[in-house]
Amino acid sequence: MAILANRVKNSSSSLELVRTILVTLKRFFVIFFLGLSLYLFLVSPKKISNVSIEITGSVLSAGLVFYENIFESVNSIKQKFVYFQDLEKRNIELELEVARLKHLQSEVESVRAENIALKDLLTVTEEEEFKYVTAKLLSVSFSPFSKTALISAGRKHGVEPDQIVTTDSQGLVGKVIEVSNNYAKVMLISDVNSRIPIKTSSSREQGILAGNNNNSKILYLPNNHLVQKDEEIITSGHGSTYPAGILVGYVSKVTENDVIVNIAADLSKTEFVQVLLPKE
């Protein structure tokens, strides 16, 4: 009985403690809300607006700083990109300039070689002095088996078979094969029967130019020849018919087996030719 009374007493004490705590908390919250209400009542709308403006300004300022930093970063990247684009463009320009200078150097070397060759030719041709007779080119005849021309100069003008026919500026035309008193027939250098000792101006290779109607070819070149496309072809002076140093044509194609030559003289644009007469 005493134990039960003790328990009832202890329970009553615990309940009392809980009531005390709840009452205290209730008073605290009442006082807190009363104080908050009083503060809000006393604070003017102007102060509330100022606080709002301050907060808004702080947020916007922080955002503006962030935006400016981002803008500066993007602008910096853009400037670097433009710089590297300009650098790449300049690099390409320099590469093109280097290529142009290399090409120019190659042309200078080619001209130097041609000058040396021309000096050699001048040395030779100074020893060969020819008189000539000028004749009108009357007609040009092309057939599958021959290419000939008729000119208005014959035996009474001093023209004889095997004499050389040239143009004033374009080079070799062919040689006289038939003569009458006033006219002569010329076998063109593109005729299949034409054979002319030649040499190349730069590589200095020697051979025989054989007419082939459409494309003349150089025969008897060594296997390791150095003939190149666009080289000038001139008479070598070997033999008794063609004097040295007369322009014949230009190399148009070089293959493993053939060297093709375009004839320099364009008879479709030629009105007069010259027949070289022998030295007295």
Protein backbone atom coordinates (compact mmCIF):
# COMPACT_ATOMS: atom_id res chain seq x y z
CA MET A 1 0.00 0.00 0.00
CA ALA A 2 2.84 2.32 0.88
CA ILE A 3 4.56 1.44 -2.43
CA LEU A 4 1.44 2.28 -4.42
CA ALA A 5 1.11 5.59 -2.63
CA ASN A 6 4.74 6.34 -3.46
CA ARG A 7 4.12 5.68 -7.17
CA VAL A 8 1.09 7.93 -7.22
CA LYS A 9 3.12 10.63 -5.56
CA ASN A 10 5.96 10.31 -8.10
CA SER A 11 3.51 10.41 -11.03
CA SER A 12 1.95 13.54 -9.69
CA SER A 13 5.38 15.17 -9.44
CA SER A 14 6.20 14.31 -13.10
CA LEU A 15 2.91 15.70 -14.34
CA GLU A 16 3.49 18.87 -12.43
CA LEU A 17 6.93 19.28 -14.05
CA VAL A 18 5.48 18.83 -17.52
CA ARG A 19 2.75 21.39 -16.84
CA THR A 20 5.37 23.86 -15.64
CA ILE A 21 7.47 23.44 -18.83
CA LEU A 22 4.45 23.82 -21.11
CA VAL A 23 3.31 26.94 -19.33
CA THR A 24 6.80 28.42 -19.61
CA LEU A 25 7.00 27.69 -23.37
CA LYS A 26 3.53 29.14 -23.86
CA ARG A 27 4.53 32.34 -22.13
CA PHE A 28 7.77 32.53 -24.21
CA PHE A 29 5.97 32.24 -27.54
CA VAL A 30 3.31 34.71 -26.45
CA ILE A 31 5.98 37.23 -25.46
CA PHE A 32 7.93 36.54 -28.75
CA PHE A 33 4.95 37.09 -31.03
CA LEU A 34 3.87 40.13 -29.04
CA GLY A 35 7.38 41.58 -29.48
CA LEU A 36 7.45 40.74 -33.21
CA SER A 37 4.02 42.29 -33.72
CA LEU A 38 5.10 45.39 -31.87
CA TYR A 39 8.28 45.63 -34.03
CA LEU A 40 6.37 45.29 -37.24
CA PHE A 41 3.84 47.83 -36.02
CA LEU A 42 6.55 50.32 -35.10
CA VAL A 43 8.62 49.83 -38.32
CA SER A 44 7.46 52.29 -41.03
CA PRO A 45 6.67 51.21 -44.62
CA LYS A 46 9.53 53.43 -45.73
CA LYS A 47 12.04 51.40 -43.73
CA ILE A 48 10.59 48.20 -45.09
CA SER A 49 10.94 49.61 -48.63
CA ASN A 50 14.53 50.64 -47.93
CA VAL A 51 15.36 47.17 -46.68
CA SER A 52 13.72 45.70 -49.80
CA ILE A 53 15.67 48.04 -52.07
CA GLU A 54 18.91 47.19 -50.29
CA ILE A 55 18.34 43.50 -50.66
CA THR A 56 17.33 43.89 -54.32
CA GLY A 57 20.35 46.08 -55.06
CA SER A 58 22.70 43.60 -53.43
CA VAL A 59 21.28 40.74 -55.48
CA LEU A 60 21.42 42.72 -58.73
CA SER A 61 24.95 43.94 -58.01
CA ALA A 62 26.11 40.41 -57.41
CA GLY A 63 24.41 39.31 -60.65
CA LEU A 64 25.94 42.20 -62.59
CA VAL A 65 29.42 41.36 -61.35
CA PHE A 66 28.87 37.73 -62.36
CA TYR A 67 27.62 38.80 -65.82
CA GLU A 68 30.56 41.16 -66.34
CA ASN A 69 33.00 38.40 -65.43
CA ILE A 70 31.30 36.03 -67.86
CA PHE A 71 31.28 38.71 -70.60
CA GLU A 72 34.96 39.47 -70.07
CA SER A 73 35.80 35.77 -70.27
CA VAL A 74 33.80 35.31 -73.49
CA ASN A 75 35.32 38.48 -74.99
CA SER A 76 38.80 37.27 -74.08
CA ILE A 77 38.15 33.92 -75.74
CA LYS A 78 36.79 35.70 -78.84
CA GLN A 79 39.88 37.93 -79.04
CA LYS A 80 42.16 34.91 -78.76
CA PHE A 81 40.18 33.11 -81.46
CA VAL A 82 40.48 36.11 -83.82
CA TYR A 83 44.21 36.32 -83.02
CA PHE A 84 44.77 32.68 -83.90
CA GLN A 85 42.70 33.11 -87.08
CA ASP A 86 44.91 36.03 -88.10
CA LEU A 87 47.98 33.99 -87.18
CA GLU A 88 46.82 31.09 -89.34
CA LYS A 89 46.05 33.45 -92.24
CA ARG A 90 49.50 35.01 -91.94
CA ASN A 91 51.08 31.56 -91.83
CA ILE A 92 49.28 30.58 -95.05
CA GLU A 93 50.43 33.83 -96.68
CA LEU A 94 54.02 33.10 -95.65
CA GLU A 95 53.80 29.56 -97.04
CA LEU A 96 52.49 30.93 -100.35
CA GLU A 97 55.30 33.48 -100.41
CA VAL A 98 57.89 30.75 -99.78
CA ALA A 99 56.38 28.68 -102.61
CA ARG A 100 56.44 31.73 -104.92
CA LEU A 101 60.09 32.41 -104.07
CA LYS A 102 61.01 28.77 -104.68
CA HIS A 103 59.25 28.93 -108.05
CA LEU A 104 61.05 32.19 -108.83
CA GLN A 105 64.38 30.64 -107.87
CA SER A 106 63.64 27.71 -110.18
CA GLU A 107 62.83 30.11 -113.03
CA VAL A 108 66.03 32.08 -112.39
CA GLU A 109 68.09 28.89 -112.53
CA SER A 110 66.32 27.88 -115.73
CA VAL A 111 66.97 31.30 -117.30
CA ARG A 112 70.61 31.11 -116.22
CA ALA A 113 70.95 27.72 -117.94
CA GLU A 114 69.24 29.08 -121.04
CA ASN A 115 71.57 32.09 -121.08
CA ILE A 116 74.57 29.79 -120.95
CA ALA A 117 73.09 27.76 -123.78
CA LEU A 118 72.35 30.89 -125.82
CA LYS A 119 75.91 32.12 -125.31
CA ASP A 120 77.12 28.79 -126.67
CA LEU A 121 74.78 29.20 -129.62
CA LEU A 122 75.96 32.73 -130.27
CA THR A 123 79.50 31.46 -130.29
CA VAL A 124 78.54 28.92 -132.93
CA THR A 125 76.30 31.07 -135.10
CA GLU A 126 78.80 33.90 -135.24
CA GLU A 127 80.97 31.54 -137.26
CA GLU A 128 78.05 30.72 -139.58
CA GLU A 129 77.04 33.70 -141.70
CA PHE A 130 74.22 33.15 -144.16
CA LYS A 131 72.57 35.23 -146.78
CA TYR A 132 68.92 34.56 -147.42
CA VAL A 133 66.15 35.21 -149.87
CA THR A 134 62.66 36.10 -148.70
CA ALA A 135 59.73 34.29 -150.30
CA LYS A 136 55.97 34.36 -149.92
CA LEU A 137 54.36 31.28 -148.44
CA LEU A 138 51.82 30.37 -151.12
CA SER A 139 50.27 27.17 -149.77
CA VAL A 140 50.64 24.38 -147.23
CA SER A 141 49.65 20.81 -148.13
CA PHE A 142 48.84 18.18 -145.50
CA SER A 143 48.31 14.54 -146.41
CA PRO A 144 48.66 11.28 -144.45
CA PHE A 145 52.06 10.69 -146.04
CA SER A 146 53.57 14.15 -146.50
CA LYS A 147 53.52 17.73 -145.32
CA THR A 148 54.83 20.27 -147.78
CA ALA A 149 54.65 23.97 -148.62
CA LEU A 150 55.00 25.97 -151.83
CA ILE A 151 56.99 29.22 -151.78
CA SER A 152 57.45 32.01 -154.34
CA ALA A 153 61.23 31.74 -154.83
CA GLY A 154 63.04 29.43 -157.25
CA ARG A 155 66.24 28.70 -159.07
CA LYS A 156 66.56 32.18 -160.54
CA HIS A 157 66.58 33.54 -156.97
CA GLY A 158 69.41 31.25 -155.96
CA VAL A 159 67.23 28.58 -154.36
CA GLU A 160 68.43 24.97 -154.61
CA PRO A 161 67.36 21.61 -153.09
CA ASP A 162 68.41 20.90 -149.46
CA GLN A 163 68.51 24.58 -148.57
CA ILE A 164 66.95 25.47 -145.21
CA VAL A 165 63.70 27.42 -144.86
CA THR A 166 62.96 29.42 -141.71
CA THR A 167 60.68 32.18 -140.51
CA ASP A 168 61.91 35.55 -139.36
CA SER A 169 61.06 34.92 -135.71
CA GLN A 170 59.45 31.49 -135.23
CA GLY A 171 62.27 29.20 -136.27
CA LEU A 172 62.76 26.28 -138.63
CA VAL A 173 60.13 25.47 -141.27
CA GLY A 174 61.81 22.72 -143.31
CA LYS A 175 64.09 22.21 -146.31
CA VAL A 176 63.72 22.64 -150.06
CA ILE A 177 63.11 19.37 -151.92
CA GLU A 178 62.07 20.54 -155.42
CA VAL A 179 62.86 23.72 -157.37
CA SER A 180 61.56 25.40 -160.54
CA ASN A 181 62.63 28.76 -161.94
CA ASN A 182 60.23 30.78 -159.79
CA TYR A 183 58.97 28.40 -157.13
CA ALA A 184 60.16 25.81 -154.66
CA LYS A 185 58.58 22.94 -152.76
CA VAL A 186 59.50 22.63 -149.10
CA MET A 187 59.30 19.50 -146.94
CA LEU A 188 58.09 20.63 -143.52
CA ILE A 189 59.83 19.39 -140.38
CA SER A 190 56.60 17.64 -139.33
CA ASP A 191 56.71 15.44 -142.46
CA VAL A 192 57.18 11.71 -141.73
CA ASN A 193 60.37 11.72 -143.84
CA SER A 194 61.96 14.64 -141.97
CA ARG A 195 65.02 13.91 -139.81
CA ILE A 196 66.80 16.78 -138.06
CA PRO A 197 69.81 16.59 -135.69
CA ILE A 198 68.80 18.55 -132.58
CA LYS A 199 69.76 19.25 -128.99
CA THR A 200 67.84 20.48 -125.97
CA SER A 201 68.68 23.95 -124.69
CA SER A 202 68.80 23.21 -120.94
CA SER A 203 69.62 19.53 -120.46
CA ARG A 204 71.93 19.61 -123.53
CA GLU A 205 70.74 16.20 -124.71
CA GLN A 206 71.22 15.38 -128.41
CA GLY A 207 69.10 13.30 -130.74
CA ILE A 208 67.21 13.22 -134.02
CA LEU A 209 63.84 14.93 -134.41
CA ALA A 210 61.58 12.71 -136.51
CA GLY A 211 58.46 14.13 -138.14
CA ASN A 212 55.27 12.26 -137.32
CA ASN A 213 52.61 14.41 -139.02
CA ASN A 214 50.83 15.26 -135.77
CA ASN A 215 53.55 14.90 -133.13
CA SER A 216 57.26 15.02 -133.83
CA LYS A 217 59.44 12.83 -131.61
CA ILE A 218 63.07 12.89 -130.52
CA LEU A 219 64.85 9.64 -131.38
CA TYR A 220 68.10 8.13 -130.09
CA LEU A 221 68.09 9.79 -126.68
CA PRO A 222 69.99 7.93 -123.94
CA ASN A 223 67.84 5.96 -121.49
CA ASN A 224 68.91 8.20 -118.62
CA HIS A 225 68.28 11.47 -120.48
CA LEU A 226 67.34 14.61 -118.54
CA VAL A 227 64.96 16.21 -121.04
CA GLN A 228 62.13 18.11 -119.35
CA LYS A 229 58.78 19.46 -120.47
CA ASP A 230 58.85 22.96 -122.07
CA GLU A 231 62.56 22.75 -122.96
CA GLU A 232 63.53 24.56 -126.14
CA ILE A 233 64.69 22.38 -129.05
CA ILE A 234 67.32 23.74 -131.46
CA THR A 235 69.35 22.36 -134.33
CA SER A 236 72.65 20.84 -133.19
CA GLY A 237 74.60 21.56 -136.39
CA HIS A 238 75.58 17.93 -136.92
CA GLY A 239 75.52 16.85 -140.54
CA SER A 240 75.78 19.10 -143.56
CA THR A 241 72.18 20.27 -143.97
CA TYR A 242 71.00 22.14 -140.89
CA PRO A 243 73.23 24.82 -139.30
CA ALA A 244 73.39 25.00 -135.51
CA GLY A 245 71.25 27.18 -133.30
CA ILE A 246 67.97 27.38 -135.21
CA LEU A 247 64.85 27.10 -133.08
CA VAL A 248 62.82 23.97 -133.87
CA GLY A 249 60.18 23.69 -131.15
CA TYR A 250 59.43 22.96 -127.52
CA VAL A 251 59.08 19.73 -125.56
CA SER A 252 55.37 19.21 -124.94
CA LYS A 253 55.43 15.80 -123.27
CA VAL A 254 57.97 13.43 -121.72
CA THR A 255 57.03 9.77 -121.16
CA GLU A 256 59.01 6.66 -120.37
CA ASN A 257 59.39 5.87 -124.07
CA ASP A 258 58.88 9.13 -125.96
CA VAL A 259 59.74 12.82 -125.96
CA ILE A 260 57.11 14.73 -127.95
CA VAL A 261 57.88 18.13 -129.51
CA ASN A 262 55.55 20.91 -130.60
CA ILE A 263 56.90 22.70 -133.68
CA ALA A 264 57.58 26.39 -133.03
CA ALA A 265 56.69 27.72 -136.49
CA ASP A 266 52.95 28.30 -136.89
CA LEU A 267 52.40 28.37 -140.65
CA SER A 268 48.76 29.34 -140.26
CA LYS A 269 50.02 32.76 -139.12
CA THR A 270 52.99 32.97 -141.48
CA GLU A 271 53.03 34.95 -144.75
CA PHE A 272 56.74 35.06 -145.60
CA VAL A 273 59.66 32.69 -145.10
CA GLN A 274 63.41 32.89 -145.61
CA VAL A 275 65.55 30.50 -147.60
CA LEU A 276 69.12 30.34 -146.30
CA LEU A 277 71.69 30.54 -149.08
CA PRO A 278 75.12 28.93 -148.78
CA LYS A 279 78.16 30.96 -147.76
CA GLU A 280 80.23 32.32 -150.60
